[in-house]
N, C-alpha and C. Protein backbone atom coordinates (compact mmCIF):
# COMPACT_ATOMS: atom_id res chain seq x y z
N MET A 1 -120.12 50.77 6.95
CA MET A 1 -119.21 51.21 5.92
C MET A 1 -120.00 51.46 4.63
N ILE A 2 -119.62 52.52 3.96
CA ILE A 2 -120.18 52.85 2.65
C ILE A 2 -119.10 52.58 1.62
N LEU A 3 -119.41 51.72 0.67
CA LEU A 3 -118.48 51.44 -0.44
C LEU A 3 -119.02 52.10 -1.69
N ILE A 4 -118.14 52.75 -2.43
CA ILE A 4 -118.52 53.37 -3.70
C ILE A 4 -117.69 52.74 -4.80
N ALA A 5 -118.34 51.95 -5.65
CA ALA A 5 -117.71 51.37 -6.83
C ALA A 5 -117.61 52.49 -7.85
N MET A 6 -116.38 52.87 -8.19
CA MET A 6 -116.17 54.02 -9.08
C MET A 6 -115.40 53.62 -10.33
N GLY A 7 -115.52 54.45 -11.35
CA GLY A 7 -114.80 54.25 -12.60
C GLY A 7 -115.62 54.80 -13.75
N VAL A 8 -115.04 54.77 -14.92
CA VAL A 8 -115.74 55.28 -16.10
C VAL A 8 -116.87 54.32 -16.50
N SER A 9 -117.70 54.79 -17.39
CA SER A 9 -118.79 53.96 -17.88
C SER A 9 -118.22 52.72 -18.56
N GLY A 10 -118.84 51.57 -18.29
CA GLY A 10 -118.36 50.32 -18.85
C GLY A 10 -117.44 49.55 -17.93
N SER A 11 -117.09 50.14 -16.79
CA SER A 11 -116.17 49.47 -15.87
C SER A 11 -116.86 48.42 -15.00
N GLY A 12 -118.17 48.35 -15.06
CA GLY A 12 -118.89 47.32 -14.32
C GLY A 12 -119.39 47.77 -12.96
N LYS A 13 -119.51 49.06 -12.75
CA LYS A 13 -119.90 49.58 -11.44
C LYS A 13 -121.22 48.99 -10.96
N THR A 14 -122.22 48.96 -11.81
CA THR A 14 -123.53 48.48 -11.40
C THR A 14 -123.51 46.97 -11.16
N THR A 15 -122.99 46.24 -12.10
CA THR A 15 -122.94 44.77 -11.96
C THR A 15 -122.17 44.38 -10.71
N VAL A 16 -120.98 44.94 -10.56
CA VAL A 16 -120.15 44.63 -9.41
C VAL A 16 -120.80 45.14 -8.13
N GLY A 17 -121.33 46.35 -8.17
CA GLY A 17 -121.98 46.91 -6.98
C GLY A 17 -123.14 46.08 -6.49
N GLU A 18 -123.97 45.62 -7.41
CA GLU A 18 -125.11 44.77 -7.02
C GLU A 18 -124.63 43.46 -6.41
N GLN A 19 -123.64 42.84 -7.05
CA GLN A 19 -123.13 41.56 -6.53
C GLN A 19 -122.40 41.75 -5.19
N LEU A 20 -121.69 42.85 -5.06
CA LEU A 20 -121.00 43.15 -3.81
C LEU A 20 -122.00 43.36 -2.68
N ALA A 21 -123.05 44.12 -2.95
CA ALA A 21 -124.09 44.35 -1.94
C ALA A 21 -124.75 43.03 -1.53
N ALA A 22 -125.02 42.17 -2.50
CA ALA A 22 -125.61 40.87 -2.18
C ALA A 22 -124.66 40.05 -1.31
N ARG A 23 -123.38 40.07 -1.64
CA ARG A 23 -122.39 39.32 -0.87
C ARG A 23 -122.28 39.86 0.56
N LEU A 24 -122.39 41.18 0.71
CA LEU A 24 -122.25 41.81 2.02
C LEU A 24 -123.58 41.92 2.77
N HIS A 25 -124.66 41.46 2.13
CA HIS A 25 -125.99 41.51 2.72
C HIS A 25 -126.38 42.94 3.12
N CYS A 26 -126.20 43.84 2.15
CA CYS A 26 -126.56 45.23 2.40
C CYS A 26 -127.24 45.80 1.16
N GLY A 27 -127.63 47.06 1.24
CA GLY A 27 -128.34 47.70 0.15
C GLY A 27 -127.41 48.21 -0.94
N PHE A 28 -128.01 48.56 -2.07
CA PHE A 28 -127.28 49.04 -3.23
C PHE A 28 -128.08 50.13 -3.92
N ALA A 29 -127.39 51.15 -4.42
CA ALA A 29 -128.01 52.17 -5.27
C ALA A 29 -127.02 52.56 -6.36
N ASP A 30 -127.53 52.73 -7.54
CA ASP A 30 -126.72 53.20 -8.66
C ASP A 30 -126.87 54.71 -8.74
N ALA A 31 -125.77 55.42 -8.85
CA ALA A 31 -125.80 56.88 -8.91
C ALA A 31 -126.61 57.38 -10.09
N ASP A 32 -126.76 56.56 -11.13
CA ASP A 32 -127.58 56.97 -12.27
C ASP A 32 -129.01 57.29 -11.84
N GLU A 33 -129.47 56.64 -10.76
CA GLU A 33 -130.82 56.89 -10.24
C GLU A 33 -130.96 58.32 -9.74
N PHE A 34 -129.86 58.97 -9.42
CA PHE A 34 -129.89 60.31 -8.86
C PHE A 34 -129.77 61.40 -9.92
N HIS A 35 -129.52 61.01 -11.19
CA HIS A 35 -129.41 61.99 -12.27
C HIS A 35 -130.78 62.57 -12.60
N SER A 36 -130.79 63.83 -12.96
CA SER A 36 -132.01 64.46 -13.45
C SER A 36 -132.34 63.92 -14.84
N GLU A 37 -133.57 64.07 -15.24
CA GLU A 37 -133.96 63.66 -16.59
C GLU A 37 -133.18 64.46 -17.63
N ALA A 38 -132.89 65.72 -17.33
CA ALA A 38 -132.13 66.55 -18.26
C ALA A 38 -130.72 66.00 -18.44
N ASN A 39 -130.09 65.55 -17.36
CA ASN A 39 -128.75 64.95 -17.48
C ASN A 39 -128.80 63.68 -18.30
N LYS A 40 -129.78 62.83 -18.04
CA LYS A 40 -129.90 61.58 -18.79
C LYS A 40 -130.11 61.85 -20.28
N LYS A 41 -130.95 62.82 -20.58
CA LYS A 41 -131.22 63.17 -21.97
C LYS A 41 -129.94 63.69 -22.65
N LYS A 42 -129.22 64.52 -21.94
CA LYS A 42 -127.98 65.09 -22.48
C LYS A 42 -126.99 63.98 -22.81
N MET A 43 -126.80 63.02 -21.90
CA MET A 43 -125.86 61.93 -22.15
C MET A 43 -126.34 61.02 -23.28
N HIS A 44 -127.65 60.76 -23.31
CA HIS A 44 -128.22 59.92 -24.37
C HIS A 44 -127.97 60.54 -25.75
N GLU A 45 -127.98 61.86 -25.79
CA GLU A 45 -127.76 62.57 -27.06
C GLU A 45 -126.28 62.71 -27.40
N GLY A 46 -125.41 62.17 -26.53
CA GLY A 46 -123.98 62.18 -26.81
C GLY A 46 -123.25 63.41 -26.33
N HIS A 47 -123.88 64.18 -25.43
CA HIS A 47 -123.24 65.38 -24.89
C HIS A 47 -122.70 65.11 -23.50
N PRO A 48 -121.41 65.37 -23.27
CA PRO A 48 -120.86 65.15 -21.92
C PRO A 48 -121.45 66.14 -20.92
N LEU A 49 -121.56 65.69 -19.68
CA LEU A 49 -122.04 66.57 -18.62
C LEU A 49 -120.95 67.54 -18.20
N THR A 50 -121.37 68.70 -17.76
CA THR A 50 -120.46 69.69 -17.21
C THR A 50 -120.47 69.56 -15.69
N ASP A 51 -119.51 70.21 -15.05
CA ASP A 51 -119.52 70.21 -13.59
C ASP A 51 -120.82 70.81 -13.06
N GLU A 52 -121.33 71.84 -13.72
CA GLU A 52 -122.58 72.45 -13.27
C GLU A 52 -123.73 71.44 -13.32
N ASP A 53 -123.70 70.53 -14.30
CA ASP A 53 -124.71 69.47 -14.38
C ASP A 53 -124.55 68.50 -13.21
N ARG A 54 -123.31 68.30 -12.79
CA ARG A 54 -123.00 67.26 -11.80
C ARG A 54 -123.19 67.69 -10.35
N TRP A 55 -123.04 68.99 -10.02
CA TRP A 55 -123.08 69.39 -8.61
C TRP A 55 -124.36 68.94 -7.90
N PRO A 56 -125.56 69.21 -8.44
CA PRO A 56 -126.77 68.76 -7.73
C PRO A 56 -126.85 67.24 -7.60
N TRP A 57 -126.38 66.55 -8.64
CA TRP A 57 -126.37 65.08 -8.65
C TRP A 57 -125.47 64.56 -7.52
N LEU A 58 -124.27 65.11 -7.40
CA LEU A 58 -123.35 64.67 -6.36
C LEU A 58 -123.89 64.99 -4.96
N ARG A 59 -124.49 66.16 -4.80
CA ARG A 59 -125.06 66.51 -3.49
C ARG A 59 -126.18 65.56 -3.09
N SER A 60 -126.99 65.14 -4.06
CA SER A 60 -128.09 64.22 -3.72
C SER A 60 -127.55 62.84 -3.34
N ILE A 61 -126.46 62.42 -3.96
CA ILE A 61 -125.84 61.15 -3.57
C ILE A 61 -125.26 61.28 -2.17
N ARG A 62 -124.61 62.41 -1.88
CA ARG A 62 -124.05 62.61 -0.54
C ARG A 62 -125.16 62.58 0.51
N GLU A 63 -126.30 63.16 0.21
CA GLU A 63 -127.44 63.11 1.14
C GLU A 63 -127.86 61.68 1.40
N ALA A 64 -127.87 60.86 0.36
CA ALA A 64 -128.22 59.44 0.52
C ALA A 64 -127.18 58.73 1.38
N ILE A 65 -125.91 59.05 1.18
CA ILE A 65 -124.85 58.47 2.00
C ILE A 65 -125.07 58.84 3.47
N GLU A 66 -125.35 60.10 3.71
CA GLU A 66 -125.57 60.56 5.08
C GLU A 66 -126.76 59.85 5.72
N ALA A 67 -127.82 59.62 4.94
CA ALA A 67 -128.99 58.91 5.46
C ALA A 67 -128.63 57.47 5.84
N LYS A 68 -127.84 56.82 5.02
CA LYS A 68 -127.41 55.44 5.33
C LYS A 68 -126.51 55.42 6.55
N ARG A 69 -125.62 56.39 6.66
CA ARG A 69 -124.74 56.47 7.83
C ARG A 69 -125.56 56.72 9.09
N ALA A 70 -126.54 57.63 9.01
CA ALA A 70 -127.39 57.93 10.17
C ALA A 70 -128.18 56.70 10.60
N ALA A 71 -128.57 55.87 9.63
CA ALA A 71 -129.31 54.65 9.93
C ALA A 71 -128.39 53.54 10.45
N GLY A 72 -127.09 53.76 10.34
CA GLY A 72 -126.12 52.78 10.83
C GLY A 72 -126.03 51.52 10.00
N VAL A 73 -126.28 51.66 8.69
CA VAL A 73 -126.24 50.48 7.82
C VAL A 73 -125.09 50.57 6.83
N ASP A 74 -124.57 49.40 6.46
CA ASP A 74 -123.60 49.34 5.38
C ASP A 74 -124.36 49.48 4.07
N PHE A 75 -123.68 50.01 3.05
CA PHE A 75 -124.37 50.25 1.79
C PHE A 75 -123.33 50.35 0.68
N VAL A 76 -123.74 49.96 -0.53
CA VAL A 76 -122.87 50.06 -1.71
C VAL A 76 -123.53 51.00 -2.72
N PHE A 77 -122.75 51.95 -3.19
CA PHE A 77 -123.18 52.83 -4.27
C PHE A 77 -122.29 52.58 -5.48
N ALA A 78 -122.84 52.75 -6.65
CA ALA A 78 -122.06 52.74 -7.89
C ALA A 78 -122.10 54.17 -8.41
N CYS A 79 -120.91 54.77 -8.58
CA CYS A 79 -120.84 56.16 -9.03
C CYS A 79 -119.52 56.38 -9.74
N SER A 80 -119.55 57.05 -10.87
CA SER A 80 -118.32 57.27 -11.63
C SER A 80 -117.26 57.99 -10.81
N ALA A 81 -117.63 59.03 -10.08
CA ALA A 81 -116.70 59.76 -9.20
C ALA A 81 -115.37 60.04 -9.90
N LEU A 82 -115.44 60.62 -11.08
CA LEU A 82 -114.28 60.75 -11.95
C LEU A 82 -113.21 61.72 -11.46
N LYS A 83 -113.60 62.76 -10.76
CA LYS A 83 -112.63 63.78 -10.32
C LYS A 83 -112.44 63.75 -8.81
N VAL A 84 -111.28 64.23 -8.39
CA VAL A 84 -110.99 64.33 -6.96
C VAL A 84 -112.07 65.15 -6.25
N VAL A 85 -112.45 66.28 -6.83
CA VAL A 85 -113.45 67.14 -6.19
C VAL A 85 -114.79 66.42 -6.04
N TYR A 86 -115.15 65.56 -6.99
CA TYR A 86 -116.39 64.79 -6.88
C TYR A 86 -116.28 63.82 -5.69
N ARG A 87 -115.14 63.14 -5.59
CA ARG A 87 -114.94 62.20 -4.49
C ARG A 87 -114.92 62.92 -3.15
N ASP A 88 -114.36 64.13 -3.14
CA ASP A 88 -114.36 64.91 -1.91
C ASP A 88 -115.78 65.25 -1.47
N ILE A 89 -116.64 65.58 -2.42
CA ILE A 89 -118.05 65.86 -2.09
C ILE A 89 -118.72 64.60 -1.55
N LEU A 90 -118.50 63.48 -2.22
CA LEU A 90 -119.13 62.23 -1.78
C LEU A 90 -118.61 61.76 -0.43
N ARG A 91 -117.34 61.92 -0.19
CA ARG A 91 -116.73 61.47 1.06
C ARG A 91 -117.02 62.46 2.19
N ALA A 92 -116.89 63.74 1.92
CA ALA A 92 -117.12 64.81 2.91
C ALA A 92 -116.37 64.54 4.22
N GLY A 93 -115.15 64.04 4.11
CA GLY A 93 -114.34 63.79 5.30
C GLY A 93 -114.72 62.55 6.09
N ASP A 94 -115.67 61.79 5.58
CA ASP A 94 -116.19 60.61 6.28
C ASP A 94 -115.25 59.42 6.05
N LYS A 95 -114.59 58.96 7.08
CA LYS A 95 -113.61 57.86 6.98
C LYS A 95 -114.27 56.51 6.66
N ASP A 96 -115.57 56.41 6.85
CA ASP A 96 -116.26 55.16 6.56
C ASP A 96 -116.77 55.08 5.12
N VAL A 97 -116.41 56.05 4.30
CA VAL A 97 -116.72 56.00 2.87
C VAL A 97 -115.46 55.54 2.16
N VAL A 98 -115.55 54.37 1.51
CA VAL A 98 -114.39 53.76 0.85
C VAL A 98 -114.69 53.63 -0.65
N PHE A 99 -113.78 54.16 -1.45
CA PHE A 99 -113.91 54.05 -2.90
C PHE A 99 -113.22 52.78 -3.38
N VAL A 100 -113.86 52.12 -4.35
CA VAL A 100 -113.30 50.95 -5.02
C VAL A 100 -113.18 51.33 -6.49
N TYR A 101 -111.95 51.51 -6.94
CA TYR A 101 -111.69 51.96 -8.31
C TYR A 101 -111.63 50.76 -9.25
N LEU A 102 -112.65 50.64 -10.10
CA LEU A 102 -112.73 49.59 -11.10
C LEU A 102 -112.08 50.13 -12.37
N HIS A 103 -110.91 49.63 -12.70
CA HIS A 103 -110.19 50.18 -13.84
C HIS A 103 -109.85 49.08 -14.84
N GLY A 104 -109.72 49.52 -16.09
CA GLY A 104 -109.37 48.60 -17.17
C GLY A 104 -108.88 49.37 -18.37
N THR A 105 -108.44 48.65 -19.37
CA THR A 105 -107.94 49.30 -20.59
C THR A 105 -109.10 49.90 -21.39
N ARG A 106 -108.76 50.85 -22.24
CA ARG A 106 -109.76 51.47 -23.10
C ARG A 106 -110.45 50.40 -23.96
N GLU A 107 -109.68 49.42 -24.42
CA GLU A 107 -110.23 48.36 -25.28
C GLU A 107 -111.29 47.54 -24.53
N VAL A 108 -110.99 47.16 -23.31
CA VAL A 108 -111.95 46.38 -22.51
C VAL A 108 -113.20 47.21 -22.27
N LEU A 109 -113.03 48.48 -21.92
CA LEU A 109 -114.17 49.37 -21.66
C LEU A 109 -115.02 49.54 -22.91
N ALA A 110 -114.40 49.79 -24.06
CA ALA A 110 -115.13 49.99 -25.31
C ALA A 110 -115.90 48.74 -25.71
N THR A 111 -115.30 47.58 -25.53
CA THR A 111 -115.99 46.32 -25.84
C THR A 111 -117.23 46.16 -24.97
N ARG A 112 -117.09 46.44 -23.69
CA ARG A 112 -118.23 46.32 -22.78
C ARG A 112 -119.34 47.31 -23.14
N LEU A 113 -118.97 48.54 -23.44
CA LEU A 113 -119.98 49.53 -23.80
C LEU A 113 -120.69 49.15 -25.09
N GLY A 114 -119.95 48.60 -26.05
CA GLY A 114 -120.54 48.20 -27.32
C GLY A 114 -121.54 47.08 -27.17
N ALA A 115 -121.36 46.25 -26.14
CA ALA A 115 -122.26 45.12 -25.92
C ALA A 115 -123.47 45.47 -25.05
N ARG A 116 -123.44 46.64 -24.44
CA ARG A 116 -124.51 47.03 -23.50
C ARG A 116 -125.76 47.45 -24.26
N LYS A 117 -126.89 47.01 -23.79
CA LYS A 117 -128.18 47.33 -24.43
C LYS A 117 -129.07 48.10 -23.45
N GLY A 118 -129.81 49.06 -23.98
CA GLY A 118 -130.83 49.74 -23.21
C GLY A 118 -130.33 50.73 -22.16
N HIS A 119 -129.12 51.19 -22.27
CA HIS A 119 -128.59 52.16 -21.31
C HIS A 119 -128.58 53.54 -21.96
N PHE A 120 -128.84 54.59 -21.18
CA PHE A 120 -128.92 55.93 -21.75
C PHE A 120 -127.57 56.51 -22.15
N PHE A 121 -126.48 55.93 -21.66
CA PHE A 121 -125.15 56.48 -21.93
C PHE A 121 -124.72 56.16 -23.36
N ASP A 122 -124.36 57.18 -24.11
CA ASP A 122 -123.88 57.01 -25.48
C ASP A 122 -122.42 56.54 -25.42
N PRO A 123 -122.11 55.36 -25.99
CA PRO A 123 -120.73 54.84 -25.93
C PRO A 123 -119.68 55.79 -26.49
N SER A 124 -120.08 56.73 -27.34
CA SER A 124 -119.11 57.67 -27.89
C SER A 124 -118.55 58.61 -26.82
N LEU A 125 -119.19 58.64 -25.65
CA LEU A 125 -118.73 59.50 -24.56
C LEU A 125 -117.59 58.88 -23.74
N LEU A 126 -117.21 57.64 -24.05
CA LEU A 126 -116.15 57.00 -23.28
C LEU A 126 -114.89 57.87 -23.24
N GLN A 127 -114.48 58.39 -24.38
CA GLN A 127 -113.25 59.19 -24.41
C GLN A 127 -113.37 60.42 -23.52
N SER A 128 -114.55 61.06 -23.50
CA SER A 128 -114.70 62.24 -22.64
C SER A 128 -114.58 61.84 -21.16
N GLN A 129 -115.07 60.65 -20.80
CA GLN A 129 -114.92 60.20 -19.42
C GLN A 129 -113.46 59.89 -19.10
N LEU A 130 -112.77 59.25 -20.03
CA LEU A 130 -111.35 58.97 -19.81
C LEU A 130 -110.54 60.26 -19.70
N ASP A 131 -110.92 61.26 -20.49
CA ASP A 131 -110.23 62.56 -20.43
C ASP A 131 -110.51 63.26 -19.10
N THR A 132 -111.70 63.08 -18.56
CA THR A 132 -112.11 63.73 -17.31
C THR A 132 -111.53 63.00 -16.09
N LEU A 133 -111.33 61.70 -16.22
CA LEU A 133 -110.90 60.89 -15.08
C LEU A 133 -109.61 61.39 -14.45
N GLU A 134 -109.68 61.61 -13.15
CA GLU A 134 -108.51 61.87 -12.32
C GLU A 134 -108.39 60.64 -11.43
N PRO A 135 -107.57 59.66 -11.85
CA PRO A 135 -107.50 58.41 -11.10
C PRO A 135 -107.17 58.66 -9.63
N PRO A 136 -107.79 57.90 -8.75
CA PRO A 136 -107.48 58.06 -7.33
C PRO A 136 -106.08 57.50 -7.04
N THR A 137 -105.57 57.86 -5.90
CA THR A 137 -104.32 57.27 -5.44
C THR A 137 -104.66 55.96 -4.73
N GLU A 138 -103.66 55.14 -4.51
CA GLU A 138 -103.89 53.88 -3.81
C GLU A 138 -104.25 54.11 -2.34
N GLU A 139 -103.92 55.29 -1.80
CA GLU A 139 -104.35 55.62 -0.44
C GLU A 139 -105.82 56.02 -0.42
N GLU A 140 -106.30 56.54 -1.55
CA GLU A 140 -107.67 57.03 -1.64
C GLU A 140 -108.68 55.93 -1.96
N ALA A 141 -108.23 54.88 -2.63
CA ALA A 141 -109.19 53.88 -3.10
C ALA A 141 -108.55 52.49 -3.15
N ILE A 142 -109.41 51.51 -3.14
CA ILE A 142 -109.02 50.12 -3.40
C ILE A 142 -109.04 49.95 -4.91
N PHE A 143 -107.96 49.45 -5.49
CA PHE A 143 -107.83 49.27 -6.94
C PHE A 143 -108.17 47.83 -7.31
N VAL A 144 -109.02 47.67 -8.33
CA VAL A 144 -109.37 46.34 -8.83
C VAL A 144 -109.42 46.40 -10.36
N ASP A 145 -108.67 45.51 -11.00
CA ASP A 145 -108.66 45.42 -12.45
C ASP A 145 -109.92 44.68 -12.90
N ILE A 146 -110.60 45.25 -13.90
CA ILE A 146 -111.89 44.68 -14.34
C ILE A 146 -111.74 43.58 -15.38
N ASP A 147 -110.53 43.27 -15.79
CA ASP A 147 -110.34 42.25 -16.82
C ASP A 147 -110.39 40.86 -16.19
N GLN A 148 -111.51 40.58 -15.53
CA GLN A 148 -111.81 39.29 -14.90
C GLN A 148 -113.32 39.23 -14.73
N THR A 149 -113.84 38.11 -14.30
CA THR A 149 -115.29 37.99 -14.17
C THR A 149 -115.79 38.88 -13.02
N PRO A 150 -117.06 39.28 -13.07
CA PRO A 150 -117.60 40.07 -11.96
C PRO A 150 -117.45 39.36 -10.61
N GLU A 151 -117.60 38.05 -10.61
CA GLU A 151 -117.45 37.29 -9.37
C GLU A 151 -116.03 37.41 -8.82
N GLN A 152 -115.04 37.33 -9.71
CA GLN A 152 -113.64 37.48 -9.29
C GLN A 152 -113.37 38.90 -8.78
N VAL A 153 -113.98 39.88 -9.44
CA VAL A 153 -113.83 41.27 -9.00
C VAL A 153 -114.40 41.42 -7.59
N VAL A 154 -115.59 40.87 -7.36
CA VAL A 154 -116.21 40.96 -6.04
C VAL A 154 -115.36 40.24 -5.00
N ASP A 155 -114.86 39.06 -5.33
CA ASP A 155 -113.98 38.33 -4.40
C ASP A 155 -112.79 39.20 -4.00
N GLU A 156 -112.17 39.84 -4.97
CA GLU A 156 -111.00 40.68 -4.71
C GLU A 156 -111.37 41.88 -3.83
N ILE A 157 -112.52 42.49 -4.10
CA ILE A 157 -112.96 43.63 -3.29
C ILE A 157 -113.18 43.20 -1.84
N VAL A 158 -113.91 42.10 -1.65
CA VAL A 158 -114.19 41.63 -0.29
C VAL A 158 -112.88 41.36 0.45
N GLU A 159 -111.94 40.73 -0.22
CA GLU A 159 -110.65 40.45 0.40
C GLU A 159 -109.93 41.74 0.79
N LYS A 160 -109.91 42.71 -0.12
CA LYS A 160 -109.20 43.98 0.15
C LYS A 160 -109.92 44.83 1.20
N VAL A 161 -111.24 44.80 1.21
CA VAL A 161 -111.99 45.54 2.24
C VAL A 161 -111.73 44.91 3.61
N THR A 162 -111.72 43.60 3.66
CA THR A 162 -111.45 42.90 4.93
C THR A 162 -110.07 43.27 5.45
N LEU A 163 -109.07 43.31 4.58
CA LEU A 163 -107.72 43.68 4.98
C LEU A 163 -107.66 45.14 5.45
N ARG A 164 -108.45 46.00 4.79
CA ARG A 164 -108.44 47.42 5.11
C ARG A 164 -109.06 47.70 6.48
N ARG A 165 -110.04 46.88 6.86
CA ARG A 165 -110.71 47.09 8.15
C ARG A 165 -109.73 46.78 9.25
């Protein structure tokens, strides 16, 4: 199974994804690793990415998903996956790709972004991500509220994934 921790910046995708992968004894990759230097620079400068910026990034993540599936291993990715079309590219009809939507209030997200150090994402872009977000349906993703500790979030994900299987 491939799990994709999704949500806007500040939702805890990386922290939760790493802890989830450790709990499931599988690998982890952050989608930020797949961004071009130009994309990272653009975001650092406070400019939102366009779909044209995102297409190659999403295709490279899908290739990584396919490689993990071909190897027959479970894996966790952290990826914003803000739009339905982005999730469609990442899923590509693969029933073993499961999205976990990490959602929270704007206030919780802004507080987390304000406390984050050393990340290329400019916190002023939060609103552009919220504007871009097309929340998944409950059929499309497992929903988890981020207003709890990362450990509690991981516990809830493991419980919901187990029920879903």
